[in-house]
PDB file of N, CA and C in Angstrom:
ATOM      1  N   UNK A   1      89.981 134.520  96.609  1.00  0.00           N
ATOM      2  CA  UNK A   1      89.173 133.442  96.063  1.00  0.00           C
ATOM      3  C   UNK A   1      89.648 132.100  96.625  1.00  0.00           C
ATOM      4  N   UNK A   2      88.700 131.266  97.042  1.00  0.00           N
ATOM      5  CA  UNK A   2      89.031 129.993  97.663  1.00  0.00           C
ATOM      6  C   UNK A   2      89.509 128.988  96.622  1.00  0.00           C
ATOM      7  N   UNK A   3      90.593 128.298  96.959  1.00  0.00           N
ATOM      8  CA  UNK A   3      91.180 127.311  96.049  1.00  0.00           C
ATOM      9  C   UNK A   3      90.317 126.048  96.026  1.00  0.00           C
ATOM     10  N   UNK A   4      90.032 125.554  94.838  1.00  0.00           N
ATOM     11  CA  UNK A   4      89.305 124.302  94.690  1.00  0.00           C
ATOM     12  C   UNK A   4      90.236 123.137  95.038  1.00  0.00           C
ATOM     13  N   UNK A   5      89.745 122.231  95.854  1.00  0.00           N
ATOM     14  CA  UNK A   5      90.536 121.049  96.191  1.00  0.00           C
ATOM     15  C   UNK A   5      90.489 120.058  95.037  1.00  0.00           C
ATOM     16  N   UNK A   6      91.581 119.344  94.864  1.00  0.00           N
ATOM     17  CA  UNK A   6      91.575 118.300  93.848  1.00  0.00           C
ATOM     18  C   UNK A   6      90.863 117.070  94.403  1.00  0.00           C
ATOM     19  N   UNK A   7      90.437 116.203  93.531  1.00  0.00           N
ATOM     20  CA  UNK A   7      89.798 114.944  93.934  1.00  0.00           C
ATOM     21  C   UNK A   7      90.740 114.161  94.844  1.00  0.00           C
ATOM     22  N   UNK A   8      92.017 114.171  94.498  1.00  0.00           N
ATOM     23  CA  UNK A   8      93.011 113.423  95.274  1.00  0.00           C
ATOM     24  C   UNK A   8      93.125 113.969  96.699  1.00  0.00           C
ATOM     25  N   UNK A   9      93.097 115.295  96.848  1.00  0.00           N
ATOM     26  CA  UNK A   9      93.168 115.905  98.183  1.00  0.00           C
ATOM     27  C   UNK A   9      91.945 115.526  99.022  1.00  0.00           C
ATOM     28  N   UNK A  10      90.783 115.539  98.401  1.00  0.00           N
ATOM     29  CA  UNK A  10      89.564 115.174  99.110  1.00  0.00           C
ATOM     30  C   UNK A  10      89.600 113.711  99.526  1.00  0.00           C
ATOM     31  N   UNK A  11      90.010 112.833  98.627  1.00  0.00           N
ATOM     32  CA  UNK A  11      90.101 111.399  98.943  1.00  0.00           C
ATOM     33  C   UNK A  11      91.069 111.175 100.100  1.00  0.00           C
ATOM     34  N   UNK A  12      92.194 111.864 100.097  1.00  0.00           N
ATOM     35  CA  UNK A  12      93.178 111.730 101.178  1.00  0.00           C
ATOM     36  C   UNK A  12      92.557 112.121 102.518  1.00  0.00           C
ATOM     37  N   UNK A  13      91.812 113.223 102.545  1.00  0.00           N
ATOM     38  CA  UNK A  13      91.171 113.665 103.785  1.00  0.00           C
ATOM     39  C   UNK A  13      90.109 112.671 104.245  1.00  0.00           C
ATOM     40  N   UNK A  14      89.371 112.116 103.307  1.00  0.00           N
ATOM     41  CA  UNK A  14      88.340 111.119 103.648  1.00  0.00           C
ATOM     42  C   UNK A  14      89.004 109.864 104.226  1.00  0.00           C
ATOM     43  N   UNK A  15      90.091 109.417 103.617  1.00  0.00           N
ATOM     44  CA  UNK A  15      90.803 108.241 104.118  1.00  0.00           C
ATOM     45  C   UNK A  15      91.328 108.479 105.538  1.00  0.00           C
ATOM     46  N   UNK A  16      91.830 109.677 105.806  1.00  0.00           N
ATOM     47  CA  UNK A  16      92.289 110.010 107.163  1.00  0.00           C
ATOM     48  C   UNK A  16      91.136 109.965 108.149  1.00  0.00           C
ATOM     49  N   UNK A  17      89.979 110.456 107.748  1.00  0.00           N
ATOM     50  CA  UNK A  17      88.793 110.418 108.602  1.00  0.00           C
ATOM     51  C   UNK A  17      88.403 108.977 108.917  1.00  0.00           C
ATOM     52  N   UNK A  18      88.391 108.125 107.886  1.00  0.00           N
ATOM     53  CA  UNK A  18      88.020 106.726 108.093  1.00  0.00           C
ATOM     54  C   UNK A  18      89.020 106.015 108.997  1.00  0.00           C
ATOM     55  N   UNK A  19      90.308 106.333 108.835  1.00  0.00           N
ATOM     56  CA  UNK A  19      91.332 105.738 109.703  1.00  0.00           C
ATOM     57  C   UNK A  19      91.111 106.150 111.159  1.00  0.00           C
ATOM     58  N   UNK A  20      90.636 107.377 111.375  1.00  0.00           N
ATOM     59  CA  UNK A  20      90.445 107.859 112.748  1.00  0.00           C
ATOM     60  C   UNK A  20      89.280 107.161 113.446  1.00  0.00           C
ATOM     61  N   UNK A  21      88.296 106.682 112.689  1.00  0.00           N
ATOM     62  CA  UNK A  21      87.153 105.998 113.318  1.00  0.00           C
ATOM     63  C   UNK A  21      87.238 104.475 113.224  1.00  0.00           C
ATOM     64  N   UNK A  22      88.168 103.981 112.436  1.00  0.00           N
ATOM     65  CA  UNK A  22      88.312 102.530 112.269  1.00  0.00           C
ATOM     66  C   UNK A  22      88.491 101.793 113.608  1.00  0.00           C
ATOM     67  N   UNK A  23      89.299 102.286 114.555  1.00  0.00           N
ATOM     68  CA  UNK A  23      89.461 101.555 115.829  1.00  0.00           C
ATOM     69  C   UNK A  23      88.135 101.341 116.572  1.00  0.00           C
ATOM     70  N   UNK A  24      87.225 102.296 116.486  1.00  0.00           N
ATOM     71  CA  UNK A  24      85.934 102.160 117.155  1.00  0.00           C
ATOM     72  C   UNK A  24      85.094 101.064 116.488  1.00  0.00           C
ATOM     73  N   UNK A  25      85.164 100.999 115.173  1.00  0.00           N
ATOM     74  CA  UNK A  25      84.431  99.959 114.443  1.00  0.00           C
ATOM     75  C   UNK A  25      85.062  98.588 114.690  1.00  0.00           C
ATOM     76  N   UNK A  26      86.403  98.548 114.678  1.00  0.00           N
ATOM     77  CA  UNK A  26      87.120  97.289 114.911  1.00  0.00           C
ATOM     78  C   UNK A  26      86.805  96.725 116.292  1.00  0.00           C
ATOM     79  N   UNK A  27      86.651  97.614 117.277  1.00  0.00           N
ATOM     80  CA  UNK A  27      86.368  97.199 118.650  1.00  0.00           C
ATOM     81  C   UNK A  27      85.077  96.381 118.727  1.00  0.00           C
ATOM     82  N   UNK A  28      84.116  96.700 117.850  1.00  0.00           N
ATOM     83  CA  UNK A  28      82.843  95.983 117.817  1.00  0.00           C
ATOM     84  C   UNK A  28      82.820  94.893 116.743  1.00  0.00           C
ATOM     85  N   UNK A  29      83.989  94.552 116.207  1.00  0.00           N
ATOM     86  CA  UNK A  29      84.069  93.483 115.209  1.00  0.00           C
ATOM     87  C   UNK A  29      83.693  93.921 113.802  1.00  0.00           C
ATOM     88  N   UNK A  30      83.760  95.231 113.539  1.00  0.00           N
ATOM     89  CA  UNK A  30      83.410  95.744 112.217  1.00  0.00           C
ATOM     90  C   UNK A  30      84.568  96.448 111.558  1.00  0.00           C
ATOM     91  N   UNK A  31      84.310  96.947 110.361  1.00  0.00           N
ATOM     92  CA  UNK A  31      85.317  97.706 109.629  1.00  0.00           C
ATOM     93  C   UNK A  31      84.589  98.525 108.564  1.00  0.00           C
ATOM     94  N   UNK A  32      85.341  99.401 107.917  1.00  0.00           N
ATOM     95  CA  UNK A  32      84.760 100.268 106.889  1.00  0.00           C
ATOM     96  C   UNK A  32      85.728 100.370 105.725  1.00  0.00           C
ATOM     97  N   UNK A  33      85.188 100.441 104.520  1.00  0.00           N
ATOM     98  CA  UNK A  33      85.999 100.515 103.297  1.00  0.00           C
ATOM     99  C   UNK A  33      85.488 101.681 102.449  1.00  0.00           C
ATOM    100  N   UNK A  34      86.404 102.484 101.954  1.00  0.00           N
ATOM    101  CA  UNK A  34      86.042 103.559 101.026  1.00  0.00           C
ATOM    102  C   UNK A  34      85.795 102.951  99.655  1.00  0.00           C
ATOM    103  N   UNK A  35      84.612 103.213  99.100  1.00  0.00           N
ATOM    104  CA  UNK A  35      84.277 102.710  97.768  1.00  0.00           C
ATOM    105  C   UNK A  35      84.543 103.790  96.721  1.00  0.00           C
ATOM    106  N   UNK A  36      84.059 105.008  96.976  1.00  0.00           N
ATOM    107  CA  UNK A  36      84.217 106.077  95.982  1.00  0.00           C
ATOM    108  C   UNK A  36      83.942 107.433  96.620  1.00  0.00           C
ATOM    109  N   UNK A  37      84.493 108.463  96.006  1.00  0.00           N
ATOM    110  CA  UNK A  37      84.170 109.848  96.351  1.00  0.00           C
ATOM    111  C   UNK A  37      83.681 110.484  95.062  1.00  0.00           C
ATOM    112  N   UNK A  38      82.405 110.893  95.061  1.00  0.00           N
ATOM    113  CA  UNK A  38      81.781 111.497  93.881  1.00  0.00           C
ATOM    114  C   UNK A  38      81.262 112.870  94.250  1.00  0.00           C
ATOM    115  N   UNK A  39      81.774 113.897  93.588  1.00  0.00           N
ATOM    116  CA  UNK A  39      81.356 115.270  93.893  1.00  0.00           C
ATOM    117  C   UNK A  39      81.491 115.513  95.390  1.00  0.00           C
ATOM    118  N   UNK A  40      80.361 115.648  96.074  1.00  0.00           N
ATOM    119  CA  UNK A  40      80.366 115.937  97.509  1.00  0.00           C
ATOM    120  C   UNK A  40      79.832 114.764  98.322  1.00  0.00           C
ATOM    121  N   UNK A  41      79.848 113.573  97.728  1.00  0.00           N
ATOM    122  CA  UNK A  41      79.311 112.377  98.374  1.00  0.00           C
ATOM    123  C   UNK A  41      80.387 111.305  98.487  1.00  0.00           C
ATOM    124  N   UNK A  42      80.419 110.667  99.648  1.00  0.00           N
ATOM    125  CA  UNK A  42      81.346 109.565  99.891  1.00  0.00           C
ATOM    126  C   UNK A  42      80.536 108.276  99.977  1.00  0.00           C
ATOM    127  N   UNK A  43      81.003 107.247  99.279  1.00  0.00           N
ATOM    128  CA  UNK A  43      80.381 105.928  99.342  1.00  0.00           C
ATOM    129  C   UNK A  43      81.309 104.994 100.107  1.00  0.00           C
ATOM    130  N   UNK A  44      80.766 104.337 101.124  1.00  0.00           N
ATOM    131  CA  UNK A  44      81.548 103.410 101.936  1.00  0.00           C
ATOM    132  C   UNK A  44      80.802 102.091 102.051  1.00  0.00           C
ATOM    133  N   UNK A  45      81.537 101.065 102.433  1.00  0.00           N
ATOM    134  CA  UNK A  45      80.935  99.755 102.685  1.00  0.00           C
ATOM    135  C   UNK A  45      81.316  99.338 104.097  1.00  0.00           C
ATOM    136  N   UNK A  46      80.307  98.943 104.871  1.00  0.00           N
ATOM    137  CA  UNK A  46      80.545  98.444 106.219  1.00  0.00           C
ATOM    138  C   UNK A  46      80.792  96.949 106.154  1.00  0.00           C
ATOM    139  N   UNK A  47      81.745  96.478 106.952  1.00  0.00           N
ATOM    140  CA  UNK A  47      82.112  95.057 106.961  1.00  0.00           C
ATOM    141  C   UNK A  47      81.955  94.477 108.358  1.00  0.00           C
ATOM    142  N   UNK A  48      81.983  93.159 108.427  1.00  0.00           N
ATOM    143  CA  UNK A  48      81.941  92.461 109.709  1.00  0.00           C
ATOM    144  C   UNK A  48      80.630  92.707 110.433  1.00  0.00           C
ATOM    145  N   UNK A  49      80.721  92.899 111.743  1.00  0.00           N
ATOM    146  CA  UNK A  49      79.522  93.094 112.558  1.00  0.00           C
ATOM    147  C   UNK A  49      78.785  94.382 112.218  1.00  0.00           C
ATOM    148  N   UNK A  50      79.446  95.335 111.575  1.00  0.00           N
ATOM    149  CA  UNK A  50      78.790  96.594 111.217  1.00  0.00           C
ATOM    150  C   UNK A  50      77.794  96.404 110.072  1.00  0.00           C
ATOM    151  N   UNK A  51      78.051  95.442 109.207  1.00  0.00           N
ATOM    152  CA  UNK A  51      77.185  95.198 108.059  1.00  0.00           C
ATOM    153  C   UNK A  51      75.878  94.580 108.528  1.00  0.00           C
ATOM    154  N   UNK A  52      74.779  95.307 108.366  1.00  0.00           N
ATOM    155  CA  UNK A  52      73.471  94.800 108.756  1.00  0.00           C
ATOM    156  C   UNK A  52      73.128  94.994 110.224  1.00  0.00           C
ATOM    157  N   UNK A  53      74.020  95.597 110.991  1.00  0.00           N
ATOM    158  CA  UNK A  53      73.758  95.857 112.404  1.00  0.00           C
ATOM    159  C   UNK A  53      72.632  96.880 112.533  1.00  0.00           C
ATOM    160  N   UNK A  54      71.708  96.687 113.488  1.00  0.00           N
ATOM    161  CA  UNK A  54      70.621  97.652 113.675  1.00  0.00           C
ATOM    162  C   UNK A  54      71.130  99.064 113.992  1.00  0.00           C
ATOM    163  N   UNK A  55      72.321  99.159 114.551  1.00  0.00           N
ATOM    164  CA  UNK A  55      72.886 100.467 114.896  1.00  0.00           C
ATOM    165  C   UNK A  55      73.678 101.086 113.740  1.00  0.00           C
ATOM    166  N   UNK A  56      73.766 100.395 112.613  1.00  0.00           N
ATOM    167  CA  UNK A  56      74.629 100.882 111.532  1.00  0.00           C
ATOM    168  C   UNK A  56      74.174 102.227 110.977  1.00  0.00           C
ATOM    169  N   UNK A  57      72.861 102.505 110.985  1.00  0.00           N
ATOM    170  CA  UNK A  57      72.396 103.815 110.502  1.00  0.00           C
ATOM    171  C   UNK A  57      72.933 104.916 111.407  1.00  0.00           C
ATOM    172  N   UNK A  58      72.828 104.716 112.720  1.00  0.00           N
ATOM    173  CA  UNK A  58      73.364 105.702 113.672  1.00  0.00           C
ATOM    174  C   UNK A  58      74.871 105.826 113.538  1.00  0.00           C
ATOM    175  N   UNK A  59      75.530 104.686 113.384  1.00  0.00           N
ATOM    176  CA  UNK A  59      76.986 104.699 113.207  1.00  0.00           C
ATOM    177  C   UNK A  59      77.355 105.531 111.981  1.00  0.00           C
ATOM    178  N   UNK A  60      76.616 105.329 110.886  1.00  0.00           N
ATOM    179  CA  UNK A  60      76.902 106.065 109.653  1.00  0.00           C
ATOM    180  C   UNK A  60      76.685 107.560 109.838  1.00  0.00           C
ATOM    181  N   UNK A  61      75.513 107.957 110.332  1.00  0.00           N
ATOM    182  CA  UNK A  61      75.164 109.374 110.413  1.00  0.00           C
ATOM    183  C   UNK A  61      75.938 110.081 111.512  1.00  0.00           C
ATOM    184  N   UNK A  62      75.965 109.517 112.716  1.00  0.00           N
ATOM    185  CA  UNK A  62      76.573 110.198 113.851  1.00  0.00           C
ATOM    186  C   UNK A  62      78.083 110.036 113.888  1.00  0.00           C
ATOM    187  N   UNK A  63      78.564 108.852 113.564  1.00  0.00           N
ATOM    188  CA  UNK A  63      79.995 108.598 113.645  1.00  0.00           C
ATOM    189  C   UNK A  63      80.732 108.900 112.364  1.00  0.00           C
ATOM    190  N   UNK A  64      80.429 108.136 111.342  1.00  0.00           N
ATOM    191  CA  UNK A  64      81.185 108.212 110.093  1.00  0.00           C
ATOM    192  C   UNK A  64      80.964 109.548 109.389  1.00  0.00           C
ATOM    193  N   UNK A  65      79.707 109.918 109.137  1.00  0.00           N
ATOM    194  CA  UNK A  65      79.438 111.142 108.370  1.00  0.00           C
ATOM    195  C   UNK A  65      79.974 112.382 109.087  1.00  0.00           C
ATOM    196  N   UNK A  66      79.738 112.487 110.392  1.00  0.00           N
ATOM    197  CA  UNK A  66      80.242 113.656 111.124  1.00  0.00           C
ATOM    198  C   UNK A  66      81.760 113.737 111.091  1.00  0.00           C
ATOM    199  N   UNK A  67      82.425 112.602 111.243  1.00  0.00           N
ATOM    200  CA  UNK A  67      83.893 112.593 111.228  1.00  0.00           C
ATOM    201  C   UNK A  67      84.421 112.965 109.852  1.00  0.00           C
ATOM    202  N   UNK A  68      83.836 112.400 108.806  1.00  0.00           N
ATOM    203  CA  UNK A  68      84.270 112.724 107.443  1.00  0.00           C
ATOM    204  C   UNK A  68      84.090 114.219 107.175  1.00  0.00           C
ATOM    205  N   UNK A  69      82.970 114.782 107.593  1.00  0.00           N
ATOM    206  CA  UNK A  69      82.710 116.216 107.371  1.00  0.00           C
ATOM    207  C   UNK A  69      83.696 117.091 108.146  1.00  0.00           C
ATOM    208  N   UNK A  70      84.148 116.627 109.308  1.00  0.00           N
ATOM    209  CA  UNK A  70      85.155 117.375 110.062  1.00  0.00           C
ATOM    210  C   UNK A  70      86.481 117.412 109.310  1.00  0.00           C
ATOM    211  N   UNK A  71      86.873 116.288 108.746  1.00  0.00           N
ATOM    212  CA  UNK A  71      88.130 116.196 108.010  1.00  0.00           C
ATOM    213  C   UNK A  71      88.022 116.837 106.626  1.00  0.00           C
ATOM    214  N   UNK A  72      86.852 116.686 105.993  1.00  0.00           N
ATOM    215  CA  UNK A  72      86.648 117.164 104.618  1.00  0.00           C
ATOM    216  C   UNK A  72      85.309 117.909 104.541  1.00  0.00           C
ATOM    217  N   UNK A  73      85.296 119.189 104.916  1.00  0.00           N
ATOM    218  CA  UNK A  73      84.040 119.958 104.953  1.00  0.00           C
ATOM    219  C   UNK A  73      83.327 120.049 103.607  1.00  0.00           C
ATOM    220  N   UNK A  74      84.038 119.793 102.523  1.00  0.00           N
ATOM    221  CA  UNK A  74      83.414 119.840 101.197  1.00  0.00           C
ATOM    222  C   UNK A  74      82.452 118.668 100.968  1.00  0.00           C
ATOM    223  N   UNK A  75      82.550 117.648 101.803  1.00  0.00           N
ATOM    224  CA  UNK A  75      81.662 116.478 101.699  1.00  0.00           C
ATOM    225  C   UNK A  75      80.329 116.817 102.387  1.00  0.00           C
ATOM    226  N   UNK A  76      79.229 116.531 101.690  1.00  0.00           N
ATOM    227  CA  UNK A  76      77.914 116.817 102.264  1.00  0.00           C
ATOM    228  C   UNK A  76      77.163 115.569 102.683  1.00  0.00           C
ATOM    229  N   UNK A  77      77.602 114.394 102.193  1.00  0.00           N
ATOM    230  CA  UNK A  77      76.849 113.177 102.481  1.00  0.00           C
ATOM    231  C   UNK A  77      77.758 111.960 102.435  1.00  0.00           C
ATOM    232  N   UNK A  78      77.502 111.019 103.346  1.00  0.00           N
ATOM    233  CA  UNK A  78      78.197 109.736 103.350  1.00  0.00           C
ATOM    234  C   UNK A  78      77.128 108.651 103.267  1.00  0.00           C
ATOM    235  N   UNK A  79      77.247 107.794 102.267  1.00  0.00           N
ATOM    236  CA  UNK A  79      76.263 106.733 102.052  1.00  0.00           C
ATOM    237  C   UNK A  79      76.929 105.366 102.139  1.00  0.00           C
ATOM    238  N   UNK A  80      76.210 104.423 102.752  1.00  0.00           N
ATOM    239  CA  UNK A  80      76.688 103.038 102.811  1.00  0.00           C
ATOM    240  C   UNK A  80      76.122 102.283 101.615  1.00  0.00           C
ATOM    241  N   UNK A  81      76.960 101.502 100.961  1.00  0.00           N
ATOM    242  CA  UNK A  81      76.525 100.671  99.839  1.00  0.00           C
ATOM    243  C   UNK A  81      76.671  99.210 100.247  1.00  0.00           C
ATOM    244  N   UNK A  82      75.904  98.353  99.596  1.00  0.00           N
ATOM    245  CA  UNK A  82      75.970  96.908  99.894  1.00  0.00           C
ATOM    246  C   UNK A  82      77.109  96.271  99.139  1.00  0.00           C
TER     247      UNK A  82
END
């Protein structure tokens, strides 16, 4: 039987994922902040040039969400909040 991860373990994996993509966001004058992890959803806030950028949807889906899912497969969705 598969062991259920604790909320803390999931948050740690999500933070590691965000740290791994932060340099790419910083390079374009942006940043990302973890707001919350709820069930299988991660809420983040984009800062700097990433906030309101026309490419931010692609950045979220292709970059952030894919990376988070690689680090924490239990996560099914990453949403940006204002």
